[in-house]
mmCIF file of all heavy atoms, coordinates in Angstrom:
data_MODEL
# 
_entry.id   MODEL 
# 
loop_
_atom_site.group_PDB 
_atom_site.id 
_atom_site.type_symbol 
_atom_site.label_atom_id 
_atom_site.label_alt_id 
_atom_site.label_comp_id 
_atom_site.label_asym_id 
_atom_site.label_entity_id 
_atom_site.label_seq_id 
_atom_site.pdbx_PDB_ins_code 
_atom_site.Cartn_x 
_atom_site.Cartn_y 
_atom_site.Cartn_z 
_atom_site.occupancy 
_atom_site.B_iso_or_equiv 
_atom_site.pdbx_formal_charge 
_atom_site.auth_seq_id 
_atom_site.auth_comp_id 
_atom_site.auth_asym_id 
_atom_site.auth_atom_id 
_atom_site.pdbx_PDB_model_num 
ATOM 1   N N   . GLU A 1 1  ? 229.516 38.500 -87.046 1.00 0.00 ? 1  GLU A N   1 
ATOM 2   C CA  . GLU A 1 1  ? 228.099 38.164 -87.172 1.00 0.00 ? 1  GLU A CA  1 
ATOM 3   C C   . GLU A 1 1  ? 227.805 36.865 -86.341 1.00 0.00 ? 1  GLU A C   1 
ATOM 4   O O   . GLU A 1 1  ? 228.528 35.939 -86.353 1.00 0.00 ? 1  GLU A O   1 
ATOM 5   C CB  . GLU A 1 1  ? 227.714 37.988 -88.596 1.00 0.00 ? 1  GLU A CB  1 
ATOM 6   C CG  . GLU A 1 1  ? 226.272 37.923 -88.778 1.00 0.00 ? 1  GLU A CG  1 
ATOM 7   C CD  . GLU A 1 1  ? 225.765 38.856 -89.745 1.00 0.00 ? 1  GLU A CD  1 
ATOM 8   O OE1 . GLU A 1 1  ? 226.062 40.031 -89.614 1.00 0.00 ? 1  GLU A OE1 1 
ATOM 9   O OE2 . GLU A 1 1  ? 225.025 38.426 -90.622 1.00 0.00 ? 1  GLU A OE2 1 
ATOM 10  N N   . GLY A 1 2  ? 226.616 36.878 -85.718 1.00 0.00 ? 2  GLY A N   1 
ATOM 11  C CA  . GLY A 1 2  ? 226.210 35.687 -84.979 1.00 0.00 ? 2  GLY A CA  1 
ATOM 12  C C   . GLY A 1 2  ? 226.637 35.710 -83.508 1.00 0.00 ? 2  GLY A C   1 
ATOM 13  O O   . GLY A 1 2  ? 226.126 34.906 -82.758 1.00 0.00 ? 2  GLY A O   1 
ATOM 14  N N   . LYS A 1 3  ? 227.602 36.486 -83.186 1.00 0.00 ? 3  LYS A N   1 
ATOM 15  C CA  . LYS A 1 3  ? 228.113 36.497 -81.792 1.00 0.00 ? 3  LYS A CA  1 
ATOM 16  C C   . LYS A 1 3  ? 227.358 37.595 -81.020 1.00 0.00 ? 3  LYS A C   1 
ATOM 17  O O   . LYS A 1 3  ? 227.316 38.756 -81.449 1.00 0.00 ? 3  LYS A O   1 
ATOM 18  C CB  . LYS A 1 3  ? 229.598 36.799 -81.757 1.00 0.00 ? 3  LYS A CB  1 
ATOM 19  C CG  . LYS A 1 3  ? 230.145 36.784 -80.340 1.00 0.00 ? 3  LYS A CG  1 
ATOM 20  C CD  . LYS A 1 3  ? 231.644 37.004 -80.381 1.00 0.00 ? 3  LYS A CD  1 
ATOM 21  C CE  . LYS A 1 3  ? 232.067 37.015 -78.882 1.00 0.00 ? 3  LYS A CE  1 
ATOM 22  N NZ  . LYS A 1 3  ? 233.455 37.392 -78.794 1.00 0.00 ? 3  LYS A NZ  1 
ATOM 23  N N   . SER A 1 4  ? 226.784 37.249 -79.956 1.00 0.00 ? 4  SER A N   1 
ATOM 24  C CA  . SER A 1 4  ? 225.971 38.205 -79.145 1.00 0.00 ? 4  SER A CA  1 
ATOM 25  C C   . SER A 1 4  ? 226.954 38.937 -78.189 1.00 0.00 ? 4  SER A C   1 
ATOM 26  O O   . SER A 1 4  ? 227.903 38.366 -77.728 1.00 0.00 ? 4  SER A O   1 
ATOM 27  C CB  . SER A 1 4  ? 224.879 37.522 -78.295 1.00 0.00 ? 4  SER A CB  1 
ATOM 28  O OG  . SER A 1 4  ? 223.958 36.924 -79.199 1.00 0.00 ? 4  SER A OG  1 
ATOM 29  N N   . GLU A 1 5  ? 226.642 40.147 -77.846 1.00 0.00 ? 5  GLU A N   1 
ATOM 30  C CA  . GLU A 1 5  ? 227.345 40.938 -76.935 1.00 0.00 ? 5  GLU A CA  1 
ATOM 31  C C   . GLU A 1 5  ? 226.510 41.045 -75.682 1.00 0.00 ? 5  GLU A C   1 
ATOM 32  O O   . GLU A 1 5  ? 225.318 40.906 -75.624 1.00 0.00 ? 5  GLU A O   1 
ATOM 33  C CB  . GLU A 1 5  ? 227.630 42.347 -77.478 1.00 0.00 ? 5  GLU A CB  1 
ATOM 34  C CG  . GLU A 1 5  ? 228.478 42.363 -78.697 1.00 0.00 ? 5  GLU A CG  1 
ATOM 35  C CD  . GLU A 1 5  ? 228.663 43.781 -79.177 1.00 0.00 ? 5  GLU A CD  1 
ATOM 36  O OE1 . GLU A 1 5  ? 228.411 44.752 -78.438 1.00 0.00 ? 5  GLU A OE1 1 
ATOM 37  O OE2 . GLU A 1 5  ? 228.944 43.942 -80.401 1.00 0.00 ? 5  GLU A OE2 1 
ATOM 38  N N   . PHE A 1 6  ? 227.234 41.358 -74.587 1.00 0.00 ? 6  PHE A N   1 
ATOM 39  C CA  . PHE A 1 6  ? 226.548 41.531 -73.257 1.00 0.00 ? 6  PHE A CA  1 
ATOM 40  C C   . PHE A 1 6  ? 226.225 43.047 -73.193 1.00 0.00 ? 6  PHE A C   1 
ATOM 41  O O   . PHE A 1 6  ? 226.989 43.933 -73.567 1.00 0.00 ? 6  PHE A O   1 
ATOM 42  C CB  . PHE A 1 6  ? 227.445 41.101 -72.083 1.00 0.00 ? 6  PHE A CB  1 
ATOM 43  C CG  . PHE A 1 6  ? 227.439 39.630 -71.931 1.00 0.00 ? 6  PHE A CG  1 
ATOM 44  C CD1 . PHE A 1 6  ? 228.522 38.884 -72.558 1.00 0.00 ? 6  PHE A CD1 1 
ATOM 45  C CD2 . PHE A 1 6  ? 226.481 38.986 -71.247 1.00 0.00 ? 6  PHE A CD2 1 
ATOM 46  C CE1 . PHE A 1 6  ? 228.466 37.536 -72.411 1.00 0.00 ? 6  PHE A CE1 1 
ATOM 47  C CE2 . PHE A 1 6  ? 226.511 37.621 -71.159 1.00 0.00 ? 6  PHE A CE2 1 
ATOM 48  C CZ  . PHE A 1 6  ? 227.494 36.845 -71.736 1.00 0.00 ? 6  PHE A CZ  1 
ATOM 49  N N   . ILE A 1 7  ? 225.080 43.272 -72.536 1.00 0.00 ? 7  ILE A N   1 
ATOM 50  C CA  . ILE A 1 7  ? 224.653 44.624 -72.176 1.00 0.00 ? 7  ILE A CA  1 
ATOM 51  C C   . ILE A 1 7  ? 225.491 45.108 -70.997 1.00 0.00 ? 7  ILE A C   1 
ATOM 52  O O   . ILE A 1 7  ? 225.556 44.460 -69.966 1.00 0.00 ? 7  ILE A O   1 
ATOM 53  C CB  . ILE A 1 7  ? 223.151 44.701 -71.846 1.00 0.00 ? 7  ILE A CB  1 
ATOM 54  C CG1 . ILE A 1 7  ? 222.293 44.306 -73.043 1.00 0.00 ? 7  ILE A CG1 1 
ATOM 55  C CG2 . ILE A 1 7  ? 222.796 46.068 -71.382 1.00 0.00 ? 7  ILE A CG2 1 
ATOM 56  C CD1 . ILE A 1 7  ? 220.844 44.182 -72.696 1.00 0.00 ? 7  ILE A CD1 1 
ATOM 57  N N   . LYS A 1 8  ? 226.154 46.214 -71.172 1.00 0.00 ? 8  LYS A N   1 
ATOM 58  C CA  . LYS A 1 8  ? 226.901 46.854 -70.020 1.00 0.00 ? 8  LYS A CA  1 
ATOM 59  C C   . LYS A 1 8  ? 226.004 47.722 -69.248 1.00 0.00 ? 8  LYS A C   1 
ATOM 60  O O   . LYS A 1 8  ? 225.973 47.701 -68.016 1.00 0.00 ? 8  LYS A O   1 
ATOM 61  C CB  . LYS A 1 8  ? 228.126 47.508 -70.547 1.00 0.00 ? 8  LYS A CB  1 
ATOM 62  C CG  . LYS A 1 8  ? 229.181 46.619 -71.196 1.00 0.00 ? 8  LYS A CG  1 
ATOM 63  C CD  . LYS A 1 8  ? 230.377 47.345 -71.609 1.00 0.00 ? 8  LYS A CD  1 
ATOM 64  C CE  . LYS A 1 8  ? 231.298 46.305 -72.248 1.00 0.00 ? 8  LYS A CE  1 
ATOM 65  N NZ  . LYS A 1 8  ? 231.784 46.563 -73.493 1.00 0.00 ? 8  LYS A NZ  1 
ATOM 66  N N   . ARG A 1 9  ? 225.308 48.582 -70.001 1.00 0.00 ? 9  ARG A N   1 
ATOM 67  C CA  . ARG A 1 9  ? 224.450 49.563 -69.243 1.00 0.00 ? 9  ARG A CA  1 
ATOM 68  C C   . ARG A 1 9  ? 223.504 50.149 -70.337 1.00 0.00 ? 9  ARG A C   1 
ATOM 69  O O   . ARG A 1 9  ? 223.901 50.408 -71.439 1.00 0.00 ? 9  ARG A O   1 
ATOM 70  C CB  . ARG A 1 9  ? 225.355 50.679 -68.772 1.00 0.00 ? 9  ARG A CB  1 
ATOM 71  C CG  . ARG A 1 9  ? 224.658 51.655 -67.907 1.00 0.00 ? 9  ARG A CG  1 
ATOM 72  C CD  . ARG A 1 9  ? 225.685 52.621 -67.192 1.00 0.00 ? 9  ARG A CD  1 
ATOM 73  N NE  . ARG A 1 9  ? 225.043 53.833 -66.802 1.00 0.00 ? 9  ARG A NE  1 
ATOM 74  C CZ  . ARG A 1 9  ? 225.070 54.982 -67.403 1.00 0.00 ? 9  ARG A CZ  1 
ATOM 75  N NH1 . ARG A 1 9  ? 225.669 55.077 -68.517 1.00 0.00 ? 9  ARG A NH1 1 
ATOM 76  N NH2 . ARG A 1 9  ? 224.420 55.996 -66.929 1.00 0.00 ? 9  ARG A NH2 1 
ATOM 77  N N   . VAL A 1 10 ? 222.253 50.423 -69.847 1.00 0.00 ? 10 VAL A N   1 
ATOM 78  C CA  . VAL A 1 10 ? 221.269 51.145 -70.707 1.00 0.00 ? 10 VAL A CA  1 
ATOM 79  C C   . VAL A 1 10 ? 221.140 52.565 -70.177 1.00 0.00 ? 10 VAL A C   1 
ATOM 80  O O   . VAL A 1 10 ? 220.882 52.753 -69.002 1.00 0.00 ? 10 VAL A O   1 
ATOM 81  C CB  . VAL A 1 10 ? 219.941 50.345 -70.690 1.00 0.00 ? 10 VAL A CB  1 
ATOM 82  C CG1 . VAL A 1 10 ? 218.884 51.150 -71.561 1.00 0.00 ? 10 VAL A CG1 1 
ATOM 83  C CG2 . VAL A 1 10 ? 219.993 48.984 -71.193 1.00 0.00 ? 10 VAL A CG2 1 
ATOM 84  N N   . THR A 1 11 ? 221.473 53.491 -70.984 1.00 0.00 ? 11 THR A N   1 
ATOM 85  C CA  . THR A 1 11 ? 221.502 54.903 -70.520 1.00 0.00 ? 11 THR A CA  1 
ATOM 86  C C   . THR A 1 11 ? 220.125 55.398 -70.095 1.00 0.00 ? 11 THR A C   1 
ATOM 87  O O   . THR A 1 11 ? 219.029 54.764 -70.524 1.00 0.00 ? 11 THR A O   1 
ATOM 88  C CB  . THR A 1 11 ? 222.003 55.847 -71.605 1.00 0.00 ? 11 THR A CB  1 
ATOM 89  O OG1 . THR A 1 11 ? 221.110 55.886 -72.671 1.00 0.00 ? 11 THR A OG1 1 
ATOM 90  C CG2 . THR A 1 11 ? 223.364 55.452 -72.092 1.00 0.00 ? 11 THR A CG2 1 
ATOM 91  N N   . LEU A 1 12 ? 220.066 56.388 -69.226 1.00 0.00 ? 12 LEU A N   1 
ATOM 92  C CA  . LEU A 1 12 ? 218.749 56.924 -68.821 1.00 0.00 ? 12 LEU A CA  1 
ATOM 93  C C   . LEU A 1 12 ? 217.926 57.398 -70.005 1.00 0.00 ? 12 LEU A C   1 
ATOM 94  O O   . LEU A 1 12 ? 216.768 57.201 -70.033 1.00 0.00 ? 12 LEU A O   1 
ATOM 95  C CB  . LEU A 1 12 ? 219.037 58.087 -67.787 1.00 0.00 ? 12 LEU A CB  1 
ATOM 96  C CG  . LEU A 1 12 ? 217.771 58.716 -67.210 1.00 0.00 ? 12 LEU A CG  1 
ATOM 97  C CD1 . LEU A 1 12 ? 216.889 57.590 -66.563 1.00 0.00 ? 12 LEU A CD1 1 
ATOM 98  C CD2 . LEU A 1 12 ? 218.149 59.744 -66.186 1.00 0.00 ? 12 LEU A CD2 1 
ATOM 99  N N   . ASP A 1 13 ? 218.550 58.031 -70.931 1.00 0.00 ? 13 ASP A N   1 
ATOM 100 C CA  . ASP A 1 13 ? 217.834 58.591 -72.140 1.00 0.00 ? 13 ASP A CA  1 
ATOM 101 C C   . ASP A 1 13 ? 217.129 57.369 -72.789 1.00 0.00 ? 13 ASP A C   1 
ATOM 102 O O   . ASP A 1 13 ? 216.008 57.496 -73.178 1.00 0.00 ? 13 ASP A O   1 
ATOM 103 C CB  . ASP A 1 13 ? 218.796 59.269 -73.121 1.00 0.00 ? 13 ASP A CB  1 
ATOM 104 C CG  . ASP A 1 13 ? 219.325 60.532 -72.627 1.00 0.00 ? 13 ASP A CG  1 
ATOM 105 O OD1 . ASP A 1 13 ? 218.966 60.901 -71.425 1.00 0.00 ? 13 ASP A OD1 1 
ATOM 106 O OD2 . ASP A 1 13 ? 220.054 61.245 -73.352 1.00 0.00 ? 13 ASP A OD2 1 
ATOM 107 N N   . ASN A 1 14 ? 217.905 56.301 -72.967 1.00 0.00 ? 14 ASN A N   1 
ATOM 108 C CA  . ASN A 1 14 ? 217.319 55.118 -73.676 1.00 0.00 ? 14 ASN A CA  1 
ATOM 109 C C   . ASN A 1 14 ? 216.204 54.436 -72.830 1.00 0.00 ? 14 ASN A C   1 
ATOM 110 O O   . ASN A 1 14 ? 215.216 53.974 -73.376 1.00 0.00 ? 14 ASN A O   1 
ATOM 111 C CB  . ASN A 1 14 ? 218.350 54.059 -73.977 1.00 0.00 ? 14 ASN A CB  1 
ATOM 112 C CG  . ASN A 1 14 ? 219.259 54.530 -75.115 1.00 0.00 ? 14 ASN A CG  1 
ATOM 113 O OD1 . ASN A 1 14 ? 219.063 55.512 -75.724 1.00 0.00 ? 14 ASN A OD1 1 
ATOM 114 N ND2 . ASN A 1 14 ? 220.403 53.828 -75.273 1.00 0.00 ? 14 ASN A ND2 1 
ATOM 115 N N   . ARG A 1 15 ? 216.403 54.377 -71.576 1.00 0.00 ? 15 ARG A N   1 
ATOM 116 C CA  . ARG A 1 15 ? 215.385 53.836 -70.664 1.00 0.00 ? 15 ARG A CA  1 
ATOM 117 C C   . ARG A 1 15 ? 214.074 54.659 -70.742 1.00 0.00 ? 15 ARG A C   1 
ATOM 118 O O   . ARG A 1 15 ? 213.012 54.107 -70.764 1.00 0.00 ? 15 ARG A O   1 
ATOM 119 C CB  . ARG A 1 15 ? 215.811 53.806 -69.186 1.00 0.00 ? 15 ARG A CB  1 
ATOM 120 C CG  . ARG A 1 15 ? 216.830 52.716 -68.972 1.00 0.00 ? 15 ARG A CG  1 
ATOM 121 C CD  . ARG A 1 15 ? 217.212 52.450 -67.538 1.00 0.00 ? 15 ARG A CD  1 
ATOM 122 N NE  . ARG A 1 15 ? 218.126 53.472 -67.153 1.00 0.00 ? 15 ARG A NE  1 
ATOM 123 C CZ  . ARG A 1 15 ? 218.410 53.716 -65.892 1.00 0.00 ? 15 ARG A CZ  1 
ATOM 124 N NH1 . ARG A 1 15 ? 217.818 53.100 -64.804 1.00 0.00 ? 15 ARG A NH1 1 
ATOM 125 N NH2 . ARG A 1 15 ? 219.257 54.699 -65.592 1.00 0.00 ? 15 ARG A NH2 1 
ATOM 126 N N   . ILE A 1 16 ? 214.205 55.993 -70.834 1.00 0.00 ? 16 ILE A N   1 
ATOM 127 C CA  . ILE A 1 16 ? 213.033 56.926 -70.972 1.00 0.00 ? 16 ILE A CA  1 
ATOM 128 C C   . ILE A 1 16 ? 212.330 56.579 -72.320 1.00 0.00 ? 16 ILE A C   1 
ATOM 129 O O   . ILE A 1 16 ? 211.117 56.443 -72.360 1.00 0.00 ? 16 ILE A O   1 
ATOM 130 C CB  . ILE A 1 16 ? 213.421 58.301 -70.798 1.00 0.00 ? 16 ILE A CB  1 
ATOM 131 C CG1 . ILE A 1 16 ? 213.777 58.636 -69.414 1.00 0.00 ? 16 ILE A CG1 1 
ATOM 132 C CG2 . ILE A 1 16 ? 212.252 59.192 -71.303 1.00 0.00 ? 16 ILE A CG2 1 
ATOM 133 C CD1 . ILE A 1 16 ? 214.400 60.017 -69.145 1.00 0.00 ? 16 ILE A CD1 1 
ATOM 134 N N   . LEU A 1 17 ? 213.070 56.501 -73.396 1.00 0.00 ? 17 LEU A N   1 
ATOM 135 C CA  . LEU A 1 17 ? 212.472 56.255 -74.683 1.00 0.00 ? 17 LEU A CA  1 
ATOM 136 C C   . LEU A 1 17 ? 211.824 54.858 -74.694 1.00 0.00 ? 17 LEU A C   1 
ATOM 137 O O   . LEU A 1 17 ? 210.638 54.727 -75.235 1.00 0.00 ? 17 LEU A O   1 
ATOM 138 C CB  . LEU A 1 17 ? 213.565 56.267 -75.774 1.00 0.00 ? 17 LEU A CB  1 
ATOM 139 C CG  . LEU A 1 17 ? 214.129 57.622 -76.067 1.00 0.00 ? 17 LEU A CG  1 
ATOM 140 C CD1 . LEU A 1 17 ? 215.325 57.482 -77.052 1.00 0.00 ? 17 LEU A CD1 1 
ATOM 141 C CD2 . LEU A 1 17 ? 213.098 58.555 -76.694 1.00 0.00 ? 17 LEU A CD2 1 
ATOM 142 N N   . LEU A 1 18 ? 212.394 53.860 -74.116 1.00 0.00 ? 18 LEU A N   1 
ATOM 143 C CA  . LEU A 1 18 ? 211.693 52.564 -74.003 1.00 0.00 ? 18 LEU A CA  1 
ATOM 144 C C   . LEU A 1 18 ? 210.424 52.497 -73.202 1.00 0.00 ? 18 LEU A C   1 
ATOM 145 O O   . LEU A 1 18 ? 209.416 51.919 -73.485 1.00 0.00 ? 18 LEU A O   1 
ATOM 146 C CB  . LEU A 1 18 ? 212.680 51.500 -73.508 1.00 0.00 ? 18 LEU A CB  1 
ATOM 147 C CG  . LEU A 1 18 ? 213.843 51.167 -74.391 1.00 0.00 ? 18 LEU A CG  1 
ATOM 148 C CD1 . LEU A 1 18 ? 214.916 50.264 -73.706 1.00 0.00 ? 18 LEU A CD1 1 
ATOM 149 C CD2 . LEU A 1 18 ? 213.391 50.503 -75.717 1.00 0.00 ? 18 LEU A CD2 1 
ATOM 150 N N   . LEU A 1 19 ? 210.509 53.278 -72.080 1.00 0.00 ? 19 LEU A N   1 
ATOM 151 C CA  . LEU A 1 19 ? 209.340 53.471 -71.185 1.00 0.00 ? 19 LEU A CA  1 
ATOM 152 C C   . LEU A 1 19 ? 208.178 54.122 -72.000 1.00 0.00 ? 19 LEU A C   1 
ATOM 153 O O   . LEU A 1 19 ? 207.047 53.622 -72.006 1.00 0.00 ? 19 LEU A O   1 
ATOM 154 C CB  . LEU A 1 19 ? 209.640 54.236 -69.918 1.00 0.00 ? 19 LEU A CB  1 
ATOM 155 C CG  . LEU A 1 19 ? 208.410 54.686 -69.157 1.00 0.00 ? 19 LEU A CG  1 
ATOM 156 C CD1 . LEU A 1 19 ? 207.906 53.509 -68.405 1.00 0.00 ? 19 LEU A CD1 1 
ATOM 157 C CD2 . LEU A 1 19 ? 208.827 55.796 -68.139 1.00 0.00 ? 19 LEU A CD2 1 
ATOM 158 N N   . LEU A 1 20 ? 208.478 55.211 -72.662 1.00 0.00 ? 20 LEU A N   1 
ATOM 159 C CA  . LEU A 1 20 ? 207.434 55.920 -73.450 1.00 0.00 ? 20 LEU A CA  1 
ATOM 160 C C   . LEU A 1 20 ? 206.955 55.104 -74.618 1.00 0.00 ? 20 LEU A C   1 
ATOM 161 O O   . LEU A 1 20 ? 205.776 55.223 -74.978 1.00 0.00 ? 20 LEU A O   1 
ATOM 162 C CB  . LEU A 1 20 ? 208.000 57.260 -73.904 1.00 0.00 ? 20 LEU A CB  1 
ATOM 163 C CG  . LEU A 1 20 ? 208.413 58.247 -72.789 1.00 0.00 ? 20 LEU A CG  1 
ATOM 164 C CD1 . LEU A 1 20 ? 208.944 59.595 -73.430 1.00 0.00 ? 20 LEU A CD1 1 
ATOM 165 C CD2 . LEU A 1 20 ? 207.230 58.556 -71.949 1.00 0.00 ? 20 LEU A CD2 1 
ATOM 166 N N   . ARG A 1 21 ? 207.798 54.224 -75.138 1.00 0.00 ? 21 ARG A N   1 
ATOM 167 C CA  . ARG A 1 21 ? 207.397 53.339 -76.230 1.00 0.00 ? 21 ARG A CA  1 
ATOM 168 C C   . ARG A 1 21 ? 206.386 52.380 -75.741 1.00 0.00 ? 21 ARG A C   1 
ATOM 169 O O   . ARG A 1 21 ? 205.416 52.066 -76.522 1.00 0.00 ? 21 ARG A O   1 
ATOM 170 C CB  . ARG A 1 21 ? 208.625 52.539 -76.757 1.00 0.00 ? 21 ARG A CB  1 
ATOM 171 C CG  . ARG A 1 21 ? 208.384 51.578 -77.829 1.00 0.00 ? 21 ARG A CG  1 
ATOM 172 C CD  . ARG A 1 21 ? 209.721 50.848 -78.145 1.00 0.00 ? 21 ARG A CD  1 
ATOM 173 N NE  . ARG A 1 21 ? 209.528 49.876 -79.215 1.00 0.00 ? 21 ARG A NE  1 
ATOM 174 C CZ  . ARG A 1 21 ? 209.450 48.609 -79.039 1.00 0.00 ? 21 ARG A CZ  1 
ATOM 175 N NH1 . ARG A 1 21 ? 209.650 48.114 -77.802 1.00 0.00 ? 21 ARG A NH1 1 
ATOM 176 N NH2 . ARG A 1 21 ? 209.378 47.716 -80.073 1.00 0.00 ? 21 ARG A NH2 1 
ATOM 177 N N   . SER A 1 22 ? 206.432 51.922 -74.502 1.00 0.00 ? 22 SER A N   1 
ATOM 178 C CA  . SER A 1 22 ? 205.448 51.013 -73.982 1.00 0.00 ? 22 SER A CA  1 
ATOM 179 C C   . SER A 1 22 ? 204.137 51.676 -73.658 1.00 0.00 ? 22 SER A C   1 
ATOM 180 O O   . SER A 1 22 ? 203.161 51.067 -73.363 1.00 0.00 ? 22 SER A O   1 
ATOM 181 C CB  . SER A 1 22 ? 205.968 50.264 -72.729 1.00 0.00 ? 22 SER A CB  1 
ATOM 182 O OG  . SER A 1 22 ? 206.128 51.134 -71.688 1.00 0.00 ? 22 SER A OG  1 
ATOM 183 N N   . HIS A 1 23 ? 204.112 52.996 -73.754 1.00 0.00 ? 23 HIS A N   1 
ATOM 184 C CA  . HIS A 1 23 ? 202.893 53.792 -73.420 1.00 0.00 ? 23 HIS A CA  1 
ATOM 185 C C   . HIS A 1 23 ? 202.449 54.640 -74.632 1.00 0.00 ? 23 HIS A C   1 
ATOM 186 O O   . HIS A 1 23 ? 201.784 55.658 -74.467 1.00 0.00 ? 23 HIS A O   1 
ATOM 187 C CB  . HIS A 1 23 ? 203.087 54.633 -72.216 1.00 0.00 ? 23 HIS A CB  1 
ATOM 188 C CG  . HIS A 1 23 ? 203.208 53.963 -70.866 1.00 0.00 ? 23 HIS A CG  1 
ATOM 189 N ND1 . HIS A 1 23 ? 202.160 53.610 -70.123 1.00 0.00 ? 23 HIS A ND1 1 
ATOM 190 C CD2 . HIS A 1 23 ? 204.287 53.457 -70.259 1.00 0.00 ? 23 HIS A CD2 1 
ATOM 191 C CE1 . HIS A 1 23 ? 202.539 52.956 -69.106 1.00 0.00 ? 23 HIS A CE1 1 
ATOM 192 N NE2 . HIS A 1 23 ? 203.839 52.786 -69.116 1.00 0.00 ? 23 HIS A NE2 1 
ATOM 193 N N   . ILE A 1 24 ? 202.845 54.241 -75.812 1.00 0.00 ? 24 ILE A N   1 
ATOM 194 C CA  . ILE A 1 24 ? 202.565 54.955 -77.011 1.00 0.00 ? 24 ILE A CA  1 
ATOM 195 C C   . ILE A 1 24 ? 201.053 55.222 -77.242 1.00 0.00 ? 24 ILE A C   1 
ATOM 196 O O   . ILE A 1 24 ? 200.659 56.306 -77.664 1.00 0.00 ? 24 ILE A O   1 
ATOM 197 C CB  . ILE A 1 24 ? 203.243 54.364 -78.250 1.00 0.00 ? 24 ILE A CB  1 
ATOM 198 C CG1 . ILE A 1 24 ? 203.282 55.291 -79.422 1.00 0.00 ? 24 ILE A CG1 1 
ATOM 199 C CG2 . ILE A 1 24 ? 202.552 53.064 -78.654 1.00 0.00 ? 24 ILE A CG2 1 
ATOM 200 C CD1 . ILE A 1 24 ? 204.225 56.435 -79.252 1.00 0.00 ? 24 ILE A CD1 1 
ATOM 201 N N   . GLU A 1 25 ? 200.236 54.314 -76.876 1.00 0.00 ? 25 GLU A N   1 
ATOM 202 C CA  . GLU A 1 25 ? 198.792 54.475 -77.052 1.00 0.00 ? 25 GLU A CA  1 
ATOM 203 C C   . GLU A 1 25 ? 198.167 55.451 -76.033 1.00 0.00 ? 25 GLU A C   1 
ATOM 204 O O   . GLU A 1 25 ? 196.983 55.852 -76.254 1.00 0.00 ? 25 GLU A O   1 
ATOM 205 C CB  . GLU A 1 25 ? 198.084 53.130 -76.983 1.00 0.00 ? 25 GLU A CB  1 
ATOM 206 C CG  . GLU A 1 25 ? 198.016 52.473 -75.636 1.00 0.00 ? 25 GLU A CG  1 
ATOM 207 C CD  . GLU A 1 25 ? 199.330 51.838 -75.148 1.00 0.00 ? 25 GLU A CD  1 
ATOM 208 O OE1 . GLU A 1 25 ? 200.308 51.648 -75.927 1.00 0.00 ? 25 GLU A OE1 1 
ATOM 209 O OE2 . GLU A 1 25 ? 199.461 51.494 -73.973 1.00 0.00 ? 25 GLU A OE2 1 
ATOM 210 N N   . ASP A 1 26 ? 198.879 55.806 -75.092 1.00 0.00 ? 26 ASP A N   1 
ATOM 211 C CA  . ASP A 1 26 ? 198.286 56.739 -73.969 1.00 0.00 ? 26 ASP A CA  1 
ATOM 212 C C   . ASP A 1 26 ? 198.229 58.150 -74.405 1.00 0.00 ? 26 ASP A C   1 
ATOM 213 O O   . ASP A 1 26 ? 197.517 58.935 -73.655 1.00 0.00 ? 26 ASP A O   1 
ATOM 214 C CB  . ASP A 1 26 ? 199.099 56.523 -72.707 1.00 0.00 ? 26 ASP A CB  1 
ATOM 215 C CG  . ASP A 1 26 ? 199.007 55.201 -72.086 1.00 0.00 ? 26 ASP A CG  1 
ATOM 216 O OD1 . ASP A 1 26 ? 198.239 54.363 -72.600 1.00 0.00 ? 26 ASP A OD1 1 
ATOM 217 O OD2 . ASP A 1 26 ? 199.698 54.978 -71.051 1.00 0.00 ? 26 ASP A OD2 1 
ATOM 218 N N   . GLN A 1 27 ? 198.867 58.584 -75.448 1.00 0.00 ? 27 GLN A N   1 
ATOM 219 C CA  . GLN A 1 27 ? 198.909 59.999 -75.738 1.00 0.00 ? 27 GLN A CA  1 
ATOM 220 C C   . GLN A 1 27 ? 197.533 60.565 -76.107 1.00 0.00 ? 27 GLN A C   1 
ATOM 221 O O   . GLN A 1 27 ? 197.385 61.755 -75.908 1.00 0.00 ? 27 GLN A O   1 
ATOM 222 C CB  . GLN A 1 27 ? 199.917 60.241 -76.871 1.00 0.00 ? 27 GLN A CB  1 
ATOM 223 C CG  . GLN A 1 27 ? 199.728 59.527 -78.120 1.00 0.00 ? 27 GLN A CG  1 
ATOM 224 C CD  . GLN A 1 27 ? 200.978 59.717 -79.072 1.00 0.00 ? 27 GLN A CD  1 
ATOM 225 O OE1 . GLN A 1 27 ? 201.833 60.479 -78.788 1.00 0.00 ? 27 GLN A OE1 1 
ATOM 226 N NE2 . GLN A 1 27 ? 200.998 58.873 -80.131 1.00 0.00 ? 27 GLN A NE2 1 
ATOM 227 N N   . ASP A 1 28 ? 196.537 59.800 -76.428 1.00 0.00 ? 28 ASP A N   1 
ATOM 228 C CA  . ASP A 1 28 ? 195.248 60.301 -76.742 1.00 0.00 ? 28 ASP A CA  1 
ATOM 229 C C   . ASP A 1 28 ? 194.278 60.185 -75.618 1.00 0.00 ? 28 ASP A C   1 
ATOM 230 O O   . ASP A 1 28 ? 193.129 60.602 -75.777 1.00 0.00 ? 28 ASP A O   1 
ATOM 231 C CB  . ASP A 1 28 ? 194.651 59.561 -77.993 1.00 0.00 ? 28 ASP A CB  1 
ATOM 232 C CG  . ASP A 1 28 ? 195.503 59.918 -79.199 1.00 0.00 ? 28 ASP A CG  1 
ATOM 233 O OD1 . ASP A 1 28 ? 196.032 61.054 -79.376 1.00 0.00 ? 28 ASP A OD1 1 
ATOM 234 O OD2 . ASP A 1 28 ? 195.617 59.038 -80.116 1.00 0.00 ? 28 ASP A OD2 1 
ATOM 235 N N   . LEU A 1 29 ? 194.662 59.688 -74.470 1.00 0.00 ? 29 LEU A N   1 
ATOM 236 C CA  . LEU A 1 29 ? 193.789 59.497 -73.283 1.00 0.00 ? 29 LEU A CA  1 
ATOM 237 C C   . LEU A 1 29 ? 193.755 60.883 -72.520 1.00 0.00 ? 29 LEU A C   1 
ATOM 238 O O   . LEU A 1 29 ? 194.715 61.621 -72.533 1.00 0.00 ? 29 LEU A O   1 
ATOM 239 C CB  . LEU A 1 29 ? 194.420 58.426 -72.327 1.00 0.00 ? 29 LEU A CB  1 
ATOM 240 C CG  . LEU A 1 29 ? 194.494 57.008 -72.994 1.00 0.00 ? 29 LEU A CG  1 
ATOM 241 C CD1 . LEU A 1 29 ? 195.104 56.111 -71.900 1.00 0.00 ? 29 LEU A CD1 1 
ATOM 242 C CD2 . LEU A 1 29 ? 192.999 56.539 -73.312 1.00 0.00 ? 29 LEU A CD2 1 
# 
């Protein structure tokens, strides 16, 4: 606990989810 890890790689699936998360309000446009 308290020790941070380094990011090795963010998968494409996760990048897509994070992208869509930033556009969550757009679904009703």
